[in-house]
Amino acid sequence: MLKFLLLFLAISILAVNAGGVDISKCSTADLMLTSICKPKMEKLTAEIKKHPSGSGLPDPETLQRMKEYCDETNACVSKAECPAIRQKLGAFSKTCERIASLGSPVAQCSAKLKKDPSVPDCVKWYFMDKGQITTSQKCEQFKKQRSCILAEMKKRCSGDIEGDFNKSGGLISQNSGCA
């Protein structure tokens, strides 16, 4: 997941700095704004690099820091009036939405359960590398395991796990290939 976020963020930054958008019609103020906002994006990129793919979900403090970097950058970018700049930096906002979702009760519960070797097989399936199975197999298996995973999360974690699980179920389903 973090590898995806880093790639997505890098593409967003490159799109702003490289071609793809005609910024020739942007005002000088907007062009200066991109150079002011870029270091804010780079802080987030550096934080994401500290947590390589497969290293697990960052702790809540790190996620909060990432969210703050996102908020700083979004506040900076929101001042831009040039449609080309706003369009390209919109991709950055999607990365920030994903980061925010990682701080959800289900994501935090998942991080807790992943560290526990005593979880049932359905939860172990949830965390296993599914790169060797087809998308349809992932989806089918997720549908079979869904109620067991939810029950275990409700049993071991506090907060509105069921509500968040149902709300984020679309994302979980997408990650399992069910979208």
N, C-alpha and C. Protein backbone atom coordinates (compact mmCIF):
# COMPACT_ATOMS: atom_id res chain seq x y z
N MET A 1 0.84 -1.19 0.00
CA MET A 1 0.00 0.00 0.00
C MET A 1 0.88 1.24 0.00
N LEU A 2 1.90 1.27 0.87
CA LEU A 2 2.76 2.45 0.93
C LEU A 2 3.57 2.60 -0.35
N LYS A 3 3.95 1.47 -0.96
CA LYS A 3 4.67 1.55 -2.23
C LYS A 3 3.80 2.23 -3.28
N PHE A 4 2.52 1.88 -3.31
CA PHE A 4 1.58 2.50 -4.23
C PHE A 4 1.48 4.00 -3.96
N LEU A 5 1.38 4.38 -2.69
CA LEU A 5 1.27 5.80 -2.34
C LEU A 5 2.50 6.56 -2.77
N LEU A 6 3.68 5.97 -2.56
CA LEU A 6 4.92 6.64 -2.94
C LEU A 6 4.99 6.82 -4.45
N LEU A 7 4.65 5.79 -5.19
CA LEU A 7 4.64 5.88 -6.64
C LEU A 7 3.65 6.93 -7.11
N PHE A 8 2.47 6.92 -6.55
CA PHE A 8 1.43 7.88 -6.92
C PHE A 8 1.89 9.31 -6.63
N LEU A 9 2.52 9.50 -5.48
CA LEU A 9 2.99 10.83 -5.10
C LEU A 9 4.13 11.28 -6.02
N ALA A 10 5.04 10.37 -6.33
CA ALA A 10 6.15 10.72 -7.22
C ALA A 10 5.63 11.14 -8.60
N ILE A 11 4.65 10.41 -9.10
CA ILE A 11 4.06 10.76 -10.38
C ILE A 11 3.40 12.13 -10.30
N SER A 12 2.73 12.39 -9.18
CA SER A 12 2.09 13.70 -9.00
C SER A 12 3.10 14.82 -9.04
N ILE A 13 4.22 14.64 -8.34
CA ILE A 13 5.25 15.68 -8.30
C ILE A 13 5.88 15.85 -9.67
N LEU A 14 6.19 14.74 -10.34
CA LEU A 14 6.78 14.84 -11.67
C LEU A 14 5.85 15.52 -12.65
N ALA A 15 4.57 15.23 -12.52
CA ALA A 15 3.60 15.85 -13.43
C ALA A 15 3.59 17.36 -13.26
N VAL A 16 3.80 17.82 -12.05
CA VAL A 16 3.83 19.26 -11.80
C VAL A 16 5.09 19.86 -12.38
N ASN A 17 6.22 19.16 -12.23
CA ASN A 17 7.50 19.71 -12.65
C ASN A 17 7.79 19.49 -14.12
N ALA A 18 7.27 18.42 -14.68
CA ALA A 18 7.58 18.08 -16.06
C ALA A 18 6.46 18.51 -16.97
N GLY A 19 6.45 17.93 -18.14
CA GLY A 19 5.44 18.30 -19.12
C GLY A 19 4.08 17.76 -18.74
N GLY A 20 3.21 17.71 -19.71
CA GLY A 20 1.89 17.18 -19.46
C GLY A 20 0.86 18.24 -19.20
N VAL A 21 1.27 19.35 -18.63
CA VAL A 21 0.35 20.46 -18.41
C VAL A 21 0.93 21.69 -19.06
N ASP A 22 0.07 22.46 -19.62
CA ASP A 22 0.50 23.71 -20.23
C ASP A 22 0.39 24.81 -19.18
N ILE A 23 1.52 25.05 -18.52
CA ILE A 23 1.51 26.06 -17.48
C ILE A 23 1.92 27.43 -18.01
N SER A 24 2.12 27.51 -19.33
CA SER A 24 2.55 28.78 -19.92
C SER A 24 1.52 29.89 -19.73
N LYS A 25 0.27 29.51 -19.53
CA LYS A 25 -0.78 30.51 -19.34
C LYS A 25 -1.03 30.82 -17.86
N CYS A 26 -0.27 30.18 -16.99
CA CYS A 26 -0.43 30.43 -15.55
C CYS A 26 0.24 31.74 -15.18
N SER A 27 -0.30 32.36 -14.17
CA SER A 27 0.27 33.63 -13.71
C SER A 27 1.62 33.40 -13.04
N THR A 28 2.40 34.43 -12.97
CA THR A 28 3.69 34.36 -12.28
C THR A 28 3.49 33.96 -10.82
N ALA A 29 2.46 34.49 -10.21
CA ALA A 29 2.18 34.16 -8.81
C ALA A 29 1.92 32.66 -8.64
N ASP A 30 1.15 32.07 -9.57
CA ASP A 30 0.88 30.64 -9.49
C ASP A 30 2.14 29.82 -9.74
N LEU A 31 2.97 30.26 -10.67
CA LEU A 31 4.22 29.55 -10.93
C LEU A 31 5.14 29.61 -9.71
N MET A 32 5.17 30.74 -9.05
CA MET A 32 5.97 30.86 -7.82
C MET A 32 5.39 29.97 -6.72
N LEU A 33 4.09 29.85 -6.71
CA LEU A 33 3.42 29.02 -5.70
C LEU A 33 3.85 27.56 -5.82
N THR A 34 4.04 27.08 -7.06
CA THR A 34 4.46 25.68 -7.22
C THR A 34 5.81 25.45 -6.57
N SER A 35 6.71 26.42 -6.66
CA SER A 35 8.02 26.23 -6.03
C SER A 35 7.92 26.33 -4.50
N ILE A 36 6.93 27.06 -4.01
CA ILE A 36 6.71 27.15 -2.56
C ILE A 36 6.09 25.86 -2.04
N CYS A 37 5.17 25.28 -2.81
CA CYS A 37 4.45 24.08 -2.37
C CYS A 37 5.28 22.80 -2.53
N LYS A 38 6.19 22.77 -3.49
CA LYS A 38 6.95 21.55 -3.76
C LYS A 38 7.68 21.02 -2.53
N PRO A 39 8.37 21.86 -1.74
CA PRO A 39 9.05 21.31 -0.55
C PRO A 39 8.08 20.65 0.44
N LYS A 40 6.87 21.14 0.49
CA LYS A 40 5.87 20.54 1.37
C LYS A 40 5.53 19.13 0.89
N MET A 41 5.42 18.96 -0.43
CA MET A 41 5.18 17.63 -1.00
C MET A 41 6.36 16.72 -0.72
N GLU A 42 7.56 17.28 -0.81
CA GLU A 42 8.76 16.48 -0.62
C GLU A 42 8.87 15.97 0.82
N LYS A 43 8.35 16.71 1.80
CA LYS A 43 8.35 16.23 3.19
C LYS A 43 7.52 14.96 3.30
N LEU A 44 6.37 14.95 2.63
CA LEU A 44 5.52 13.76 2.65
C LEU A 44 6.21 12.60 1.94
N THR A 45 6.82 12.88 0.80
CA THR A 45 7.53 11.83 0.06
C THR A 45 8.61 11.21 0.93
N ALA A 46 9.37 12.03 1.63
CA ALA A 46 10.43 11.53 2.51
C ALA A 46 9.86 10.65 3.62
N GLU A 47 8.73 11.06 4.17
CA GLU A 47 8.09 10.28 5.24
C GLU A 47 7.61 8.93 4.71
N ILE A 48 7.05 8.92 3.52
CA ILE A 48 6.57 7.66 2.93
C ILE A 48 7.75 6.73 2.66
N LYS A 49 8.88 7.27 2.22
CA LYS A 49 10.06 6.45 1.94
C LYS A 49 10.59 5.75 3.19
N LYS A 50 10.33 6.31 4.35
CA LYS A 50 10.78 5.70 5.60
C LYS A 50 10.00 4.43 5.92
N HIS A 51 8.91 4.21 5.21
CA HIS A 51 8.03 3.07 5.48
C HIS A 51 7.82 2.27 4.20
N PRO A 52 8.82 1.45 3.81
CA PRO A 52 8.71 0.73 2.54
C PRO A 52 7.57 -0.28 2.55
N SER A 53 7.16 -0.64 1.35
CA SER A 53 6.09 -1.62 1.19
C SER A 53 6.47 -2.90 1.92
N GLY A 54 5.50 -3.48 2.59
CA GLY A 54 5.74 -4.71 3.32
C GLY A 54 6.18 -4.50 4.76
N SER A 55 6.44 -3.24 5.13
CA SER A 55 6.89 -2.98 6.50
C SER A 55 5.71 -2.79 7.45
N GLY A 56 4.52 -2.91 6.94
CA GLY A 56 3.34 -2.76 7.78
C GLY A 56 2.84 -1.33 7.80
N LEU A 57 1.72 -1.16 8.43
CA LEU A 57 1.09 0.15 8.53
C LEU A 57 1.89 1.03 9.47
N PRO A 58 2.16 2.27 9.08
CA PRO A 58 2.86 3.17 10.00
C PRO A 58 2.06 3.37 11.28
N ASP A 59 2.76 3.71 12.35
CA ASP A 59 2.08 3.94 13.62
C ASP A 59 1.19 5.18 13.52
N PRO A 60 0.24 5.33 14.44
CA PRO A 60 -0.69 6.47 14.37
C PRO A 60 -0.01 7.84 14.36
N GLU A 61 1.12 7.97 15.07
CA GLU A 61 1.83 9.25 15.09
C GLU A 61 2.38 9.59 13.70
N THR A 62 2.93 8.58 13.03
CA THR A 62 3.46 8.79 11.68
C THR A 62 2.34 9.14 10.72
N LEU A 63 1.23 8.43 10.82
CA LEU A 63 0.08 8.73 9.95
C LEU A 63 -0.41 10.15 10.20
N GLN A 64 -0.41 10.57 11.45
CA GLN A 64 -0.83 11.94 11.77
C GLN A 64 0.12 12.95 11.14
N ARG A 65 1.42 12.66 11.21
CA ARG A 65 2.42 13.55 10.62
C ARG A 65 2.21 13.63 9.10
N MET A 66 1.97 12.47 8.47
CA MET A 66 1.72 12.45 7.02
C MET A 66 0.48 13.27 6.68
N LYS A 67 -0.55 13.11 7.50
CA LYS A 67 -1.79 13.87 7.28
C LYS A 67 -1.52 15.37 7.40
N GLU A 68 -0.71 15.76 8.37
CA GLU A 68 -0.37 17.18 8.54
C GLU A 68 0.39 17.70 7.32
N TYR A 69 1.32 16.89 6.77
CA TYR A 69 2.03 17.30 5.56
C TYR A 69 1.05 17.47 4.40
N CYS A 70 0.09 16.56 4.32
CA CYS A 70 -0.94 16.67 3.29
C CYS A 70 -1.74 17.96 3.47
N ASP A 71 -2.14 18.23 4.70
CA ASP A 71 -2.93 19.43 4.97
C ASP A 71 -2.15 20.70 4.61
N GLU A 72 -0.86 20.72 4.97
CA GLU A 72 -0.02 21.88 4.64
C GLU A 72 0.05 22.08 3.13
N THR A 73 0.28 20.98 2.41
CA THR A 73 0.41 21.08 0.96
C THR A 73 -0.91 21.48 0.33
N ASN A 74 -1.99 20.87 0.77
CA ASN A 74 -3.30 21.22 0.20
C ASN A 74 -3.64 22.68 0.47
N ALA A 75 -3.30 23.18 1.65
CA ALA A 75 -3.55 24.59 1.96
C ALA A 75 -2.73 25.49 1.04
N CYS A 76 -1.51 25.08 0.77
CA CYS A 76 -0.64 25.86 -0.11
C CYS A 76 -1.18 25.85 -1.55
N VAL A 77 -1.52 24.67 -2.03
CA VAL A 77 -1.97 24.51 -3.41
C VAL A 77 -3.34 25.15 -3.64
N SER A 78 -4.16 25.19 -2.62
CA SER A 78 -5.51 25.73 -2.80
C SER A 78 -5.49 27.20 -3.21
N LYS A 79 -4.37 27.86 -3.02
CA LYS A 79 -4.24 29.27 -3.40
C LYS A 79 -4.04 29.44 -4.91
N ALA A 80 -3.66 28.37 -5.59
CA ALA A 80 -3.41 28.46 -7.04
C ALA A 80 -4.72 28.71 -7.78
N GLU A 81 -4.65 29.57 -8.75
CA GLU A 81 -5.83 29.87 -9.57
C GLU A 81 -5.74 29.22 -10.94
N CYS A 82 -4.56 28.84 -11.36
CA CYS A 82 -4.35 28.27 -12.68
C CYS A 82 -4.95 26.86 -12.75
N PRO A 83 -5.90 26.64 -13.66
CA PRO A 83 -6.54 25.32 -13.76
C PRO A 83 -5.55 24.18 -14.03
N ALA A 84 -4.52 24.43 -14.82
CA ALA A 84 -3.56 23.37 -15.13
C ALA A 84 -2.83 22.90 -13.87
N ILE A 85 -2.46 23.84 -13.03
CA ILE A 85 -1.76 23.49 -11.79
C ILE A 85 -2.73 22.78 -10.84
N ARG A 86 -3.90 23.31 -10.69
CA ARG A 86 -4.89 22.70 -9.79
C ARG A 86 -5.25 21.29 -10.25
N GLN A 87 -5.34 21.09 -11.55
CA GLN A 87 -5.67 19.77 -12.09
C GLN A 87 -4.58 18.76 -11.73
N LYS A 88 -3.35 19.11 -11.97
CA LYS A 88 -2.25 18.18 -11.70
C LYS A 88 -2.06 17.94 -10.21
N LEU A 89 -2.27 18.94 -9.41
CA LEU A 89 -2.10 18.76 -7.98
C LEU A 89 -3.30 18.06 -7.36
N GLY A 90 -4.36 17.89 -8.12
CA GLY A 90 -5.51 17.12 -7.65
C GLY A 90 -5.13 15.67 -7.39
N ALA A 91 -4.19 15.16 -8.18
CA ALA A 91 -3.72 13.79 -7.98
C ALA A 91 -3.07 13.65 -6.60
N PHE A 92 -2.40 14.68 -6.16
CA PHE A 92 -1.79 14.68 -4.84
C PHE A 92 -2.86 14.52 -3.77
N SER A 93 -3.99 15.16 -3.96
CA SER A 93 -5.09 15.07 -2.99
C SER A 93 -5.57 13.64 -2.83
N LYS A 94 -5.56 12.88 -3.91
CA LYS A 94 -5.98 11.47 -3.84
C LYS A 94 -5.02 10.67 -2.96
N THR A 95 -3.73 10.96 -3.07
CA THR A 95 -2.76 10.30 -2.20
C THR A 95 -3.06 10.61 -0.75
N CYS A 96 -3.39 11.87 -0.48
CA CYS A 96 -3.70 12.28 0.89
C CYS A 96 -4.97 11.61 1.41
N GLU A 97 -5.94 11.39 0.54
CA GLU A 97 -7.16 10.68 0.95
C GLU A 97 -6.81 9.26 1.37
N ARG A 98 -5.91 8.61 0.62
CA ARG A 98 -5.50 7.25 0.96
C ARG A 98 -4.79 7.23 2.32
N ILE A 99 -3.94 8.22 2.54
CA ILE A 99 -3.23 8.31 3.83
C ILE A 99 -4.23 8.47 4.96
N ALA A 100 -5.21 9.33 4.76
CA ALA A 100 -6.23 9.55 5.80
C ALA A 100 -6.97 8.25 6.10
N SER A 101 -7.24 7.45 5.06
CA SER A 101 -7.97 6.19 5.28
C SER A 101 -7.13 5.20 6.09
N LEU A 102 -5.81 5.32 6.03
CA LEU A 102 -4.95 4.43 6.80
C LEU A 102 -5.05 4.68 8.30
N GLY A 103 -5.55 5.84 8.68
CA GLY A 103 -5.73 6.15 10.09
C GLY A 103 -7.09 5.73 10.63
N SER A 104 -7.89 5.09 9.81
CA SER A 104 -9.24 4.69 10.21
C SER A 104 -9.18 3.59 11.28
N PRO A 105 -10.29 3.39 12.00
CA PRO A 105 -10.32 2.32 13.01
C PRO A 105 -9.98 0.94 12.43
N VAL A 106 -10.47 0.64 11.23
CA VAL A 106 -10.19 -0.66 10.63
C VAL A 106 -8.70 -0.79 10.31
N ALA A 107 -8.11 0.26 9.76
CA ALA A 107 -6.69 0.21 9.43
C ALA A 107 -5.84 0.04 10.69
N GLN A 108 -6.18 0.77 11.73
CA GLN A 108 -5.43 0.66 12.98
C GLN A 108 -5.63 -0.72 13.62
N CYS A 109 -6.84 -1.24 13.55
CA CYS A 109 -7.11 -2.58 14.07
C CYS A 109 -6.33 -3.61 13.26
N SER A 110 -6.29 -3.43 11.96
CA SER A 110 -5.54 -4.35 11.09
C SER A 110 -4.07 -4.38 11.49
N ALA A 111 -3.52 -3.21 11.75
CA ALA A 111 -2.11 -3.14 12.16
C ALA A 111 -1.88 -3.91 13.46
N LYS A 112 -2.82 -3.79 14.38
CA LYS A 112 -2.73 -4.49 15.67
C LYS A 112 -2.82 -6.01 15.46
N LEU A 113 -3.79 -6.45 14.65
CA LEU A 113 -3.99 -7.88 14.43
C LEU A 113 -2.83 -8.50 13.66
N LYS A 114 -2.24 -7.73 12.77
CA LYS A 114 -1.14 -8.27 11.96
C LYS A 114 0.04 -8.69 12.83
N LYS A 115 0.22 -8.05 13.96
CA LYS A 115 1.33 -8.35 14.86
C LYS A 115 1.04 -9.53 15.78
N ASP A 116 -0.20 -10.00 15.79
CA ASP A 116 -0.62 -11.04 16.73
C ASP A 116 -0.61 -12.41 16.05
N PRO A 117 0.30 -13.31 16.44
CA PRO A 117 0.36 -14.63 15.79
C PRO A 117 -0.81 -15.55 16.14
N SER A 118 -1.62 -15.18 17.14
CA SER A 118 -2.70 -16.07 17.57
C SER A 118 -4.02 -15.82 16.83
N VAL A 119 -4.01 -14.96 15.81
CA VAL A 119 -5.26 -14.68 15.10
C VAL A 119 -5.70 -15.90 14.29
N PRO A 120 -7.00 -16.03 14.04
CA PRO A 120 -7.48 -17.17 13.26
C PRO A 120 -7.04 -17.08 11.79
N ASP A 121 -7.22 -18.18 11.09
CA ASP A 121 -6.77 -18.27 9.70
C ASP A 121 -7.38 -17.21 8.79
N CYS A 122 -8.63 -16.82 9.05
CA CYS A 122 -9.25 -15.82 8.18
C CYS A 122 -8.48 -14.50 8.24
N VAL A 123 -8.00 -14.14 9.42
CA VAL A 123 -7.24 -12.90 9.57
C VAL A 123 -5.85 -13.07 8.96
N LYS A 124 -5.26 -14.25 9.12
CA LYS A 124 -3.96 -14.51 8.48
C LYS A 124 -4.10 -14.39 6.97
N TRP A 125 -5.21 -14.90 6.42
CA TRP A 125 -5.45 -14.77 4.98
C TRP A 125 -5.48 -13.29 4.58
N TYR A 126 -6.13 -12.49 5.38
CA TYR A 126 -6.28 -11.06 5.12
C TYR A 126 -4.92 -10.39 4.91
N PHE A 127 -3.90 -10.87 5.63
CA PHE A 127 -2.58 -10.25 5.57
C PHE A 127 -1.59 -10.96 4.66
N MET A 128 -1.93 -12.13 4.17
CA MET A 128 -0.95 -12.86 3.38
C MET A 128 -0.73 -12.20 2.01
N ASP A 129 0.41 -12.49 1.43
CA ASP A 129 0.72 -11.99 0.09
C ASP A 129 -0.14 -12.76 -0.90
N LYS A 130 -0.97 -12.02 -1.61
CA LYS A 130 -1.90 -12.66 -2.54
C LYS A 130 -1.46 -12.47 -4.00
N GLY A 131 -0.18 -12.17 -4.18
CA GLY A 131 0.34 -11.90 -5.52
C GLY A 131 0.31 -13.11 -6.44
N GLN A 132 0.23 -14.30 -5.88
CA GLN A 132 0.29 -15.51 -6.69
C GLN A 132 -1.08 -16.03 -7.11
N ILE A 133 -2.15 -15.38 -6.66
CA ILE A 133 -3.49 -15.85 -7.04
C ILE A 133 -4.16 -14.81 -7.93
N THR A 134 -5.10 -15.27 -8.71
CA THR A 134 -5.78 -14.38 -9.65
C THR A 134 -6.70 -13.41 -8.90
N THR A 135 -7.07 -12.37 -9.59
CA THR A 135 -7.97 -11.37 -9.01
C THR A 135 -9.30 -12.00 -8.63
N SER A 136 -9.84 -12.84 -9.49
CA SER A 136 -11.14 -13.45 -9.17
C SER A 136 -11.02 -14.38 -7.96
N GLN A 137 -9.89 -15.07 -7.81
CA GLN A 137 -9.67 -15.91 -6.63
C GLN A 137 -9.59 -15.06 -5.36
N LYS A 138 -8.88 -13.92 -5.45
CA LYS A 138 -8.78 -13.02 -4.29
C LYS A 138 -10.16 -12.56 -3.86
N CYS A 139 -10.96 -12.16 -4.83
CA CYS A 139 -12.31 -11.66 -4.54
C CYS A 139 -13.16 -12.76 -3.91
N GLU A 140 -13.12 -13.93 -4.50
CA GLU A 140 -13.91 -15.06 -3.98
C GLU A 140 -13.50 -15.40 -2.55
N GLN A 141 -12.19 -15.44 -2.31
CA GLN A 141 -11.70 -15.76 -0.97
C GLN A 141 -12.07 -14.66 0.03
N PHE A 142 -11.99 -13.40 -0.39
CA PHE A 142 -12.35 -12.30 0.51
C PHE A 142 -13.81 -12.42 0.91
N LYS A 143 -14.68 -12.72 -0.04
CA LYS A 143 -16.11 -12.84 0.27
C LYS A 143 -16.34 -13.95 1.30
N LYS A 144 -15.58 -15.05 1.19
CA LYS A 144 -15.72 -16.15 2.14
C LYS A 144 -15.20 -15.77 3.52
N GLN A 145 -14.14 -14.98 3.58
CA GLN A 145 -13.48 -14.65 4.84
C GLN A 145 -14.05 -13.40 5.51
N ARG A 146 -14.81 -12.60 4.79
CA ARG A 146 -15.24 -11.28 5.25
C ARG A 146 -15.89 -11.30 6.64
N SER A 147 -16.87 -12.16 6.86
CA SER A 147 -17.59 -12.15 8.14
C SER A 147 -16.67 -12.58 9.29
N CYS A 148 -15.79 -13.51 9.04
CA CYS A 148 -14.84 -13.96 10.07
C CYS A 148 -13.87 -12.83 10.42
N ILE A 149 -13.36 -12.13 9.41
CA ILE A 149 -12.43 -11.01 9.63
C ILE A 149 -13.12 -9.93 10.46
N LEU A 150 -14.34 -9.58 10.07
CA LEU A 150 -15.08 -8.55 10.79
C LEU A 150 -15.33 -8.96 12.24
N ALA A 151 -15.74 -10.21 12.45
CA ALA A 151 -16.02 -10.69 13.81
C ALA A 151 -14.76 -10.61 14.68
N GLU A 152 -13.63 -10.97 14.12
CA GLU A 152 -12.38 -10.93 14.88
C GLU A 152 -11.97 -9.50 15.20
N MET A 153 -12.17 -8.59 14.26
CA MET A 153 -11.86 -7.18 14.50
C MET A 153 -12.76 -6.61 15.60
N LYS A 154 -14.03 -6.96 15.56
CA LYS A 154 -14.96 -6.46 16.58
C LYS A 154 -14.58 -7.00 17.96
N LYS A 155 -14.12 -8.24 17.99
CA LYS A 155 -13.76 -8.88 19.25
C LYS A 155 -12.48 -8.27 19.86
N ARG A 156 -11.53 -7.92 19.02
CA ARG A 156 -10.21 -7.52 19.52
C ARG A 156 -9.93 -6.02 19.52
N CYS A 157 -10.77 -5.24 18.86
CA CYS A 157 -10.49 -3.81 18.75
C CYS A 157 -11.70 -2.99 19.20
N SER A 158 -11.43 -1.79 19.64
CA SER A 158 -12.51 -0.93 20.10
C SER A 158 -12.90 0.07 19.01
N GLY A 159 -13.91 0.83 19.30
CA GLY A 159 -14.38 1.83 18.33
C GLY A 159 -15.44 1.25 17.42
N ASP A 160 -15.84 2.03 16.46
CA ASP A 160 -16.88 1.61 15.53
C ASP A 160 -16.28 0.79 14.40
N ILE A 161 -15.80 -0.39 14.74
CA ILE A 161 -15.15 -1.25 13.76
C ILE A 161 -16.13 -1.66 12.67
N GLU A 162 -17.32 -2.10 13.06
CA GLU A 162 -18.27 -2.57 12.05
C GLU A 162 -18.67 -1.45 11.10
N GLY A 163 -18.98 -0.29 11.64
CA GLY A 163 -19.35 0.84 10.78
C GLY A 163 -18.23 1.22 9.84
N ASP A 164 -17.00 1.28 10.37
CA ASP A 164 -15.86 1.64 9.53
C ASP A 164 -15.56 0.53 8.53
N PHE A 165 -15.70 -0.73 8.95
CA PHE A 165 -15.46 -1.85 8.04
C PHE A 165 -16.44 -1.80 6.88
N ASN A 166 -17.70 -1.53 7.19
CA ASN A 166 -18.71 -1.44 6.13
C ASN A 166 -18.46 -0.23 5.23
N LYS A 167 -18.04 0.88 5.86
CA LYS A 167 -17.76 2.10 5.09
C LYS A 167 -16.53 1.90 4.20
N SER A 168 -15.49 1.30 4.77
CA SER A 168 -14.27 1.11 4.00
C SER A 168 -14.29 -0.21 3.24
N GLY A 169 -15.40 -0.92 3.32
CA GLY A 169 -15.52 -2.20 2.62
C GLY A 169 -15.27 -2.10 1.14
N GLY A 170 -15.65 -0.97 0.56
CA GLY A 170 -15.41 -0.77 -0.86
C GLY A 170 -13.92 -0.77 -1.18
N LEU A 171 -13.15 -0.10 -0.35
CA LEU A 171 -11.70 -0.06 -0.55
C LEU A 171 -11.09 -1.43 -0.30
N ILE A 172 -11.54 -2.10 0.76
CA ILE A 172 -11.04 -3.44 1.05
C ILE A 172 -11.40 -4.38 -0.10
N SER A 173 -12.62 -4.27 -0.60
CA SER A 173 -13.03 -5.11 -1.73
C SER A 173 -12.18 -4.81 -2.96
N GLN A 174 -11.92 -3.53 -3.21
CA GLN A 174 -11.08 -3.16 -4.36
C GLN A 174 -9.69 -3.77 -4.21
N ASN A 175 -9.12 -3.68 -3.01
CA ASN A 175 -7.80 -4.24 -2.78
C ASN A 175 -7.80 -5.76 -2.93
N SER A 176 -8.95 -6.37 -2.77
CA SER A 176 -9.08 -7.82 -2.95
C SER A 176 -9.51 -8.18 -4.36
N GLY A 177 -9.67 -7.19 -5.21
CA GLY A 177 -10.03 -7.43 -6.61
C GLY A 177 -11.51 -7.56 -6.87
N CYS A 178 -12.35 -7.13 -5.94
CA CYS A 178 -13.80 -7.29 -6.10
C CYS A 178 -14.49 -6.07 -6.71
N ALA A 179 -13.76 -5.05 -7.05
CA ALA A 179 -14.40 -3.83 -7.55
C ALA A 179 -14.77 -3.93 -9.01
